[in-house]
């Protein structure tokens, strides 16, 4: 079972509770703690993220971001905090102006996991492996 860790900095202009709420929109029931200006904690599942990437029809971009953030046993991606606040998924660069939520998926074989979370598509439809 993969370990899911989420982390987001609280910028000086942000309300810490608003940042926490944004994280919980994509990772409900996460156990979050404010540590040194960052909310961080473990997420129990990726169910909401999984559902949202399908609802938004962003499987290909999700797959690309997951693959670019993968190494031998983990995957690291960043999600825009502002977009997460409304329950949507948008990927962020490390220097995102308004900050990001970092998701670290560890103890996982990345490629098969990516195939489950964001399978390949043809003409916008999922392709079975």
C-alpha atoms as a PDB file:
ATOM      1  CA  UNK A   1       0.000   0.000   0.000  1.00  0.00           C
ATOM      2  CA  UNK A   2       1.526   3.340  -0.989  1.00  0.00           C
ATOM      3  CA  UNK A   3       2.138   6.036   1.592  1.00  0.00           C
ATOM      4  CA  UNK A   4       0.535   9.391   0.742  1.00  0.00           C
ATOM      5  CA  UNK A   5       2.090  12.518   2.240  1.00  0.00           C
ATOM      6  CA  UNK A   6       0.827  16.040   1.564  1.00  0.00           C
ATOM      7  CA  UNK A   7       2.480  19.336   2.430  1.00  0.00           C
ATOM      8  CA  UNK A   8       1.738  22.984   1.707  1.00  0.00           C
ATOM      9  CA  UNK A   9       3.460  26.167   2.834  1.00  0.00           C
ATOM     10  CA  UNK A  10       1.391  28.933   4.376  1.00  0.00           C
ATOM     11  CA  UNK A  11       2.511  32.188   2.807  1.00  0.00           C
ATOM     12  CA  UNK A  12       2.495  35.380   4.936  1.00  0.00           C
ATOM     13  CA  UNK A  13      -0.510  36.723   3.008  1.00  0.00           C
ATOM     14  CA  UNK A  14      -2.558  33.538   3.533  1.00  0.00           C
ATOM     15  CA  UNK A  15      -4.984  32.444   6.197  1.00  0.00           C
ATOM     16  CA  UNK A  16      -3.634  29.126   7.529  1.00  0.00           C
ATOM     17  CA  UNK A  17      -7.151  27.707   7.797  1.00  0.00           C
ATOM     18  CA  UNK A  18      -7.853  28.536   4.141  1.00  0.00           C
ATOM     19  CA  UNK A  19      -4.741  26.608   3.102  1.00  0.00           C
ATOM     20  CA  UNK A  20      -5.823  23.674   5.262  1.00  0.00           C
ATOM     21  CA  UNK A  21      -9.316  23.783   3.720  1.00  0.00           C
ATOM     22  CA  UNK A  22      -7.838  23.724   0.199  1.00  0.00           C
ATOM     23  CA  UNK A  23      -5.815  20.632   1.064  1.00  0.00           C
ATOM     24  CA  UNK A  24      -8.856  18.903   2.516  1.00  0.00           C
ATOM     25  CA  UNK A  25     -10.891  19.578  -0.635  1.00  0.00           C
ATOM     26  CA  UNK A  26      -8.632  17.212  -2.586  1.00  0.00           C
ATOM     27  CA  UNK A  27      -7.554  14.977   0.287  1.00  0.00           C
ATOM     28  CA  UNK A  28     -10.515  14.755   2.682  1.00  0.00           C
ATOM     29  CA  UNK A  29     -10.017  13.124   6.054  1.00  0.00           C
ATOM     30  CA  UNK A  30      -6.290  13.860   5.974  1.00  0.00           C
ATOM     31  CA  UNK A  31      -4.643  14.290   9.329  1.00  0.00           C
ATOM     32  CA  UNK A  32      -2.913  17.682   9.002  1.00  0.00           C
ATOM     33  CA  UNK A  33      -0.592  19.463  11.407  1.00  0.00           C
ATOM     34  CA  UNK A  34       0.838  22.987  11.164  1.00  0.00           C
ATOM     35  CA  UNK A  35       4.636  22.641  11.446  1.00  0.00           C
ATOM     36  CA  UNK A  36       7.094  25.507  10.849  1.00  0.00           C
ATOM     37  CA  UNK A  37       4.767  27.418   8.531  1.00  0.00           C
ATOM     38  CA  UNK A  38       3.619  24.345   6.571  1.00  0.00           C
ATOM     39  CA  UNK A  39       0.543  22.179   6.804  1.00  0.00           C
ATOM     40  CA  UNK A  40       1.606  18.571   6.455  1.00  0.00           C
ATOM     41  CA  UNK A  41       0.215  15.146   7.053  1.00  0.00           C
ATOM     42  CA  UNK A  42      -0.802  11.811   5.662  1.00  0.00           C
ATOM     43  CA  UNK A  43      -3.678  11.379   3.242  1.00  0.00           C
ATOM     44  CA  UNK A  44      -5.801   8.255   3.637  1.00  0.00           C
ATOM     45  CA  UNK A  45      -6.525   7.894  -0.100  1.00  0.00           C
ATOM     46  CA  UNK A  46      -6.429   9.459  -3.534  1.00  0.00           C
ATOM     47  CA  UNK A  47     -10.132   8.820  -4.151  1.00  0.00           C
ATOM     48  CA  UNK A  48     -11.097  12.487  -4.540  1.00  0.00           C
ATOM     49  CA  UNK A  49      -8.087  13.249  -6.740  1.00  0.00           C
ATOM     50  CA  UNK A  50      -8.837  10.142  -8.837  1.00  0.00           C
ATOM     51  CA  UNK A  51     -12.457  11.219  -9.271  1.00  0.00           C
ATOM     52  CA  UNK A  52     -11.587  14.824 -10.071  1.00  0.00           C
ATOM     53  CA  UNK A  53      -9.011  14.078 -12.778  1.00  0.00           C
ATOM     54  CA  UNK A  54     -11.656  12.017 -14.538  1.00  0.00           C
ATOM     55  CA  UNK A  55     -14.381  14.607 -14.054  1.00  0.00           C
ATOM     56  CA  UNK A  56     -12.077  17.321 -15.423  1.00  0.00           C
ATOM     57  CA  UNK A  57     -10.940  15.002 -18.231  1.00  0.00           C
ATOM     58  CA  UNK A  58      -7.241  15.635 -17.533  1.00  0.00           C
ATOM     59  CA  UNK A  59      -5.943  12.059 -17.622  1.00  0.00           C
ATOM     60  CA  UNK A  60      -3.222  12.797 -20.166  1.00  0.00           C
ATOM     61  CA  UNK A  61      -1.805  15.812 -18.340  1.00  0.00           C
ATOM     62  CA  UNK A  62      -2.047  13.966 -15.016  1.00  0.00           C
ATOM     63  CA  UNK A  63      -0.219  11.003 -16.472  1.00  0.00           C
ATOM     64  CA  UNK A  64       2.494  13.283 -17.839  1.00  0.00           C
ATOM     65  CA  UNK A  65       2.968  15.073 -14.510  1.00  0.00           C
ATOM     66  CA  UNK A  66       3.052  11.791 -12.554  1.00  0.00           C
ATOM     67  CA  UNK A  67       5.642  10.339 -14.910  1.00  0.00           C
ATOM     68  CA  UNK A  68       7.829  13.453 -14.724  1.00  0.00           C
ATOM     69  CA  UNK A  69       7.680  13.341 -10.917  1.00  0.00           C
ATOM     70  CA  UNK A  70       8.523   9.638 -10.603  1.00  0.00           C
ATOM     71  CA  UNK A  71      11.737   8.004  -9.484  1.00  0.00           C
ATOM     72  CA  UNK A  72      12.467   4.378  -8.488  1.00  0.00           C
ATOM     73  CA  UNK A  73       9.989   4.117  -5.616  1.00  0.00           C
ATOM     74  CA  UNK A  74       8.037   7.358  -5.335  1.00  0.00           C
ATOM     75  CA  UNK A  75       6.130  10.036  -7.214  1.00  0.00           C
ATOM     76  CA  UNK A  76       6.155  13.749  -6.357  1.00  0.00           C
ATOM     77  CA  UNK A  77       3.707  16.280  -7.847  1.00  0.00           C
ATOM     78  CA  UNK A  78       2.573  19.806  -7.007  1.00  0.00           C
ATOM     79  CA  UNK A  79      -0.983  21.099  -7.180  1.00  0.00           C
ATOM     80  CA  UNK A  80      -2.084  24.742  -7.205  1.00  0.00           C
ATOM     81  CA  UNK A  81      -3.509  25.720  -3.802  1.00  0.00           C
ATOM     82  CA  UNK A  82      -5.890  28.318  -5.233  1.00  0.00           C
ATOM     83  CA  UNK A  83      -7.444  25.823  -7.642  1.00  0.00           C
ATOM     84  CA  UNK A  84      -7.618  23.129  -4.952  1.00  0.00           C
ATOM     85  CA  UNK A  85      -9.620  25.562  -2.818  1.00  0.00           C
ATOM     86  CA  UNK A  86     -12.551  25.081  -5.224  1.00  0.00           C
ATOM     87  CA  UNK A  87     -12.008  21.314  -5.388  1.00  0.00           C
ATOM     88  CA  UNK A  88     -10.310  21.248  -8.788  1.00  0.00           C
ATOM     89  CA  UNK A  89      -6.948  19.879  -9.904  1.00  0.00           C
ATOM     90  CA  UNK A  90      -4.288  21.977 -11.614  1.00  0.00           C
ATOM     91  CA  UNK A  91      -0.602  21.175 -11.622  1.00  0.00           C
ATOM     92  CA  UNK A  92       1.950  23.697 -10.378  1.00  0.00           C
ATOM     93  CA  UNK A  93       5.638  24.317 -10.851  1.00  0.00           C
ATOM     94  CA  UNK A  94       7.867  24.515  -7.784  1.00  0.00           C
ATOM     95  CA  UNK A  95       8.034  28.310  -8.074  1.00  0.00           C
ATOM     96  CA  UNK A  96       4.247  28.761  -8.338  1.00  0.00           C
ATOM     97  CA  UNK A  97       3.516  32.340  -7.307  1.00  0.00           C
ATOM     98  CA  UNK A  98       0.585  31.485  -5.038  1.00  0.00           C
ATOM     99  CA  UNK A  99       2.113  28.319  -3.664  1.00  0.00           C
ATOM    100  CA  UNK A 100       1.334  24.671  -4.068  1.00  0.00           C
ATOM    101  CA  UNK A 101       0.278  21.500  -2.339  1.00  0.00           C
ATOM    102  CA  UNK A 102       2.952  18.866  -2.679  1.00  0.00           C
ATOM    103  CA  UNK A 103       1.854  15.239  -2.892  1.00  0.00           C
ATOM    104  CA  UNK A 104       4.471  12.562  -2.279  1.00  0.00           C
ATOM    105  CA  UNK A 105       3.450   8.996  -3.055  1.00  0.00           C
ATOM    106  CA  UNK A 106       6.055   6.615  -1.667  1.00  0.00           C
ATOM    107  CA  UNK A 107       6.543   2.864  -1.234  1.00  0.00           C
ATOM    108  CA  UNK A 108       5.157   2.340  -4.729  1.00  0.00           C
ATOM    109  CA  UNK A 109       6.207   0.893  -8.072  1.00  0.00           C
ATOM    110  CA  UNK A 110       5.596   4.132 -10.013  1.00  0.00           C
ATOM    111  CA  UNK A 111       4.696   2.953 -13.518  1.00  0.00           C
ATOM    112  CA  UNK A 112       1.940   0.458 -12.598  1.00  0.00           C
ATOM    113  CA  UNK A 113       0.597   2.954 -10.063  1.00  0.00           C
ATOM    114  CA  UNK A 114       0.442   5.692 -12.704  1.00  0.00           C
ATOM    115  CA  UNK A 115      -1.423   3.295 -14.995  1.00  0.00           C
ATOM    116  CA  UNK A 116      -4.057   2.862 -12.265  1.00  0.00           C
ATOM    117  CA  UNK A 117      -4.431   6.521 -11.344  1.00  0.00           C
ATOM    118  CA  UNK A 118      -4.170   7.983 -14.854  1.00  0.00           C
ATOM    119  CA  UNK A 119      -4.356   5.315 -17.558  1.00  0.00           C
ATOM    120  CA  UNK A 120      -3.401   5.926 -21.146  1.00  0.00           C
ATOM    121  CA  UNK A 121      -6.089   7.330 -23.420  1.00  0.00           C
ATOM    122  CA  UNK A 122      -6.933   7.218 -27.102  1.00  0.00           C
ATOM    123  CA  UNK A 123      -9.211   9.969 -28.396  1.00  0.00           C
ATOM    124  CA  UNK A 124      -9.947  10.947 -24.789  1.00  0.00           C
ATOM    125  CA  UNK A 125     -11.095   7.463 -23.715  1.00  0.00           C
ATOM    126  CA  UNK A 126      -9.242   5.235 -21.242  1.00  0.00           C
ATOM    127  CA  UNK A 127      -7.351   2.318 -22.764  1.00  0.00           C
ATOM    128  CA  UNK A 128      -7.291  -0.908 -20.757  1.00  0.00           C
ATOM    129  CA  UNK A 129      -3.777  -2.231 -20.121  1.00  0.00           C
END
